[in-house]
Structures are given as structure tokens and as C-alpha cells.
Amino acid sequence: MLPDEGTTERLGAALAAQLRAGDAVALFGTLGAGKTTFARGVLRGLGFAGDVASPTFPIVQVYETQPPLWHVDLYRIEHEEELQELGLEEARLDAALLIEWPERLPRLWPNMLRLNLDIRPDGARALTAEVPPAWGGRWPPP
């Protein structure tokens, strides 16, 4: 249960301590479910103090954190060819990826942490996770 934005950000910050280059995190959820709030928490946890907005229009925002983080929003992607131009496979060599709207990908990587944010009728958020073996011991974060 994520009763407010602060709790969502704190969970993201806790995840940041577990991230490694090569990791990919899929953030599923409807508009307003808290995906960007969670991403802001991850970036705060990585030491980034600037503004964090959903990269809906630029599609990719690269942050020079440790590890480097690519915040990706695939909401506006309509064709698979557009995905190839982003270079996500190559980015995973040196960076962690945090991907909003991952359902736009033709396939998810098998070692991708899958987080689903839902809005409950009372307005609180709920988070469920599909945790691949590669994330053993790293999710949920301590």
C-alpha cells in the first residue's frame, strides 16, 4: 500500500540503492498511478536533486547518476521501429533503465523487474511486483 506520494517516493529511493548497470525496471500503471512519482524517488535515491518530470515528449531522459539512469516513457511510441531508434538494448550495457508504459515494448527482458501501480477507489496507490530471479534479494528493498 502506498497511501501518499511521499511513501511512493521513499520506496523508489529504497530501490535506487539496489540498482546496478544493466538493470531494467518496468513501471506499469494508468495515467496518474504514480509511475513518475516512483521514478522521482529513484532519482532522489541516486542523488539527483533537480526537477524530475515524465519524459513523455523527449521519450528518454538520461541522468548522470551512479549508476547512470535512463528514464524512459514509451507512452507516445506507436511503431516498433521507433523503439529501435532509442537504443535501449545498448543503454543497458552501462546504465539502469526505468521504463514507463513498458507494454509498448514488443517483449520485456526476462530479468526485468516488473512493478504495477494501481489507484484504489480510496485514492491510495497499491504496488505489486513480478520479481525475476536476477532480482533475488534486491526486491523488496530493505
Protein backbone atom coordinates (compact mmCIF):
# COMPACT_ATOMS: atom_id res chain seq x y z
CA MET A 1 0.00 0.00 0.00
CA LEU A 2 1.27 3.45 -0.97
CA PRO A 3 -1.01 5.89 0.87
CA ASP A 4 0.64 9.06 -0.44
CA GLU A 5 3.28 10.48 -2.80
CA GLY A 6 5.90 10.57 -0.05
CA THR A 7 5.60 6.84 0.54
CA THR A 8 5.84 6.19 -3.20
CA GLU A 9 8.98 8.33 -3.45
CA ARG A 10 10.56 6.64 -0.43
CA LEU A 11 10.01 3.21 -1.98
CA GLY A 12 11.63 4.46 -5.20
CA ALA A 13 14.59 5.82 -3.20
CA ALA A 14 14.97 2.46 -1.46
CA LEU A 15 15.05 0.74 -4.85
CA ALA A 16 17.79 3.14 -6.00
CA ALA A 17 20.24 1.61 -3.53
CA GLN A 18 19.69 -1.76 -5.22
CA LEU A 19 20.12 -0.64 -8.86
CA ARG A 20 23.02 -1.79 -11.00
CA ALA A 21 24.03 -1.02 -14.56
CA GLY A 22 22.16 -3.48 -16.76
CA ASP A 23 19.01 -3.47 -14.63
CA ALA A 24 15.66 -2.69 -16.20
CA VAL A 25 12.55 -1.79 -14.23
CA ALA A 26 9.14 -1.78 -15.93
CA LEU A 27 6.60 0.62 -14.41
CA PHE A 28 3.05 -0.37 -15.37
CA GLY A 29 0.01 1.70 -14.43
CA THR A 30 -2.63 4.04 -15.75
CA LEU A 31 -2.20 7.79 -16.06
CA GLY A 32 -1.82 9.26 -12.58
CA ALA A 33 -0.99 5.95 -10.89
CA GLY A 34 2.35 7.24 -9.57
CA LYS A 35 4.91 5.99 -12.08
CA THR A 36 6.71 9.34 -12.35
CA THR A 37 6.49 9.85 -8.58
CA PHE A 38 8.19 6.48 -8.12
CA ALA A 39 10.82 7.46 -10.72
CA ARG A 40 11.43 10.75 -8.87
CA GLY A 41 12.08 8.72 -5.73
CA VAL A 42 14.57 6.52 -7.56
CA LEU A 43 16.41 9.58 -8.84
CA ARG A 44 16.43 11.22 -5.39
CA GLY A 45 17.85 7.97 -4.02
CA LEU A 46 20.61 8.17 -6.63
CA GLY A 47 21.44 11.71 -5.50
CA PHE A 48 19.76 13.71 -8.26
CA ALA A 49 18.36 16.94 -6.81
CA GLY A 50 16.90 18.60 -9.95
CA ASP A 51 13.42 18.54 -11.41
CA VAL A 52 12.07 15.15 -12.46
CA ALA A 53 9.23 15.13 -14.95
CA SER A 54 7.84 12.33 -17.02
CA PRO A 55 9.81 12.23 -20.28
CA THR A 56 6.62 11.91 -22.32
CA PHE A 57 7.76 14.33 -25.03
CA PRO A 58 11.53 13.69 -25.15
CA ILE A 59 10.78 9.96 -24.54
CA VAL A 60 14.19 9.42 -22.89
CA GLN A 61 15.85 11.45 -20.16
CA VAL A 62 19.38 10.38 -19.24
CA TYR A 63 20.66 11.15 -15.74
CA GLU A 64 24.37 11.01 -14.95
CA THR A 65 23.88 9.31 -11.61
CA GLN A 66 25.68 6.25 -10.27
CA PRO A 67 24.71 4.02 -11.96
CA PRO A 68 23.60 6.18 -14.88
CA LEU A 69 19.81 6.04 -15.24
CA TRP A 70 17.69 6.25 -18.36
CA HIS A 71 14.16 7.33 -17.50
CA VAL A 72 12.06 6.25 -20.47
CA ASP A 73 8.40 6.98 -21.21
CA LEU A 74 7.03 4.96 -24.13
CA TYR A 75 3.52 6.43 -24.00
CA ARG A 76 3.86 8.16 -27.39
CA ILE A 77 5.54 5.23 -29.17
CA GLU A 78 3.30 3.88 -31.91
CA HIS A 79 5.61 1.73 -34.05
CA GLU A 80 8.29 -0.79 -33.18
CA GLU A 81 10.77 0.98 -35.47
CA GLU A 82 10.68 3.98 -33.12
CA LEU A 83 11.88 1.76 -30.30
CA GLN A 84 14.91 0.63 -32.25
CA GLU A 85 16.00 4.25 -32.64
CA LEU A 86 16.09 4.71 -28.85
CA GLY A 87 18.96 2.25 -28.33
CA LEU A 88 17.61 0.71 -25.13
CA GLU A 89 19.48 -2.59 -25.59
CA GLU A 90 22.78 -0.73 -25.90
CA ALA A 91 21.96 1.57 -22.98
CA ARG A 92 21.65 -1.44 -20.66
CA LEU A 93 25.36 -2.11 -21.07
CA ASP A 94 26.26 0.92 -18.95
CA ALA A 95 23.05 2.17 -17.34
CA ALA A 96 19.93 1.15 -15.49
CA LEU A 97 16.60 1.66 -17.26
CA LEU A 98 13.36 2.81 -15.66
CA ILE A 99 10.61 2.39 -18.26
CA GLU A 100 7.10 3.83 -18.03
CA TRP A 101 4.50 2.28 -20.38
CA PRO A 102 6.63 -0.86 -20.99
CA GLU A 103 3.65 -2.55 -22.64
CA ARG A 104 4.75 -0.66 -25.78
CA LEU A 105 7.84 -2.90 -25.99
CA PRO A 106 7.49 -5.92 -28.29
CA ARG A 107 8.89 -8.04 -25.45
CA LEU A 108 10.16 -7.49 -21.94
CA TRP A 109 13.62 -8.67 -20.93
CA PRO A 110 13.42 -11.83 -18.82
CA ASN A 111 15.43 -10.26 -15.98
CA MET A 112 13.28 -7.11 -15.85
CA LEU A 113 11.70 -6.15 -12.52
CA ARG A 114 8.00 -5.54 -13.22
CA LEU A 115 6.16 -3.12 -10.95
CA ASN A 116 2.47 -2.37 -11.33
CA LEU A 117 0.98 0.73 -9.70
CA ASP A 118 -2.80 0.82 -9.30
CA ILE A 119 -5.11 3.52 -8.00
CA ARG A 120 -7.52 2.16 -5.39
CA PRO A 121 -11.06 3.53 -5.02
CA ASP A 122 -9.97 5.44 -1.89
CA GLY A 123 -7.27 7.23 -3.90
CA ALA A 124 -4.33 5.35 -2.36
CA ARG A 125 -1.91 3.51 -4.62
CA ALA A 126 -1.12 -0.18 -4.48
CA LEU A 127 2.05 -1.71 -5.87
CA THR A 128 2.50 -5.31 -6.95
CA ALA A 129 5.72 -6.81 -8.29
CA GLU A 130 6.85 -9.64 -10.52
CA VAL A 131 10.39 -10.39 -9.40
CA PRO A 132 12.70 -12.38 -11.70
CA PRO A 133 15.50 -14.49 -10.17
CA ALA A 134 18.08 -11.86 -11.15
CA TRP A 135 16.48 -9.56 -8.55
CA GLY A 136 16.62 -12.13 -5.76
CA GLY A 137 17.42 -10.38 -2.50
CA ARG A 138 17.07 -6.91 -4.05
CA TRP A 139 13.27 -6.64 -4.11
CA PRO A 140 11.61 -5.66 -1.96
CA PRO A 141 14.34 -3.25 -0.93
CA PRO A 142 15.33 -3.24 2.74
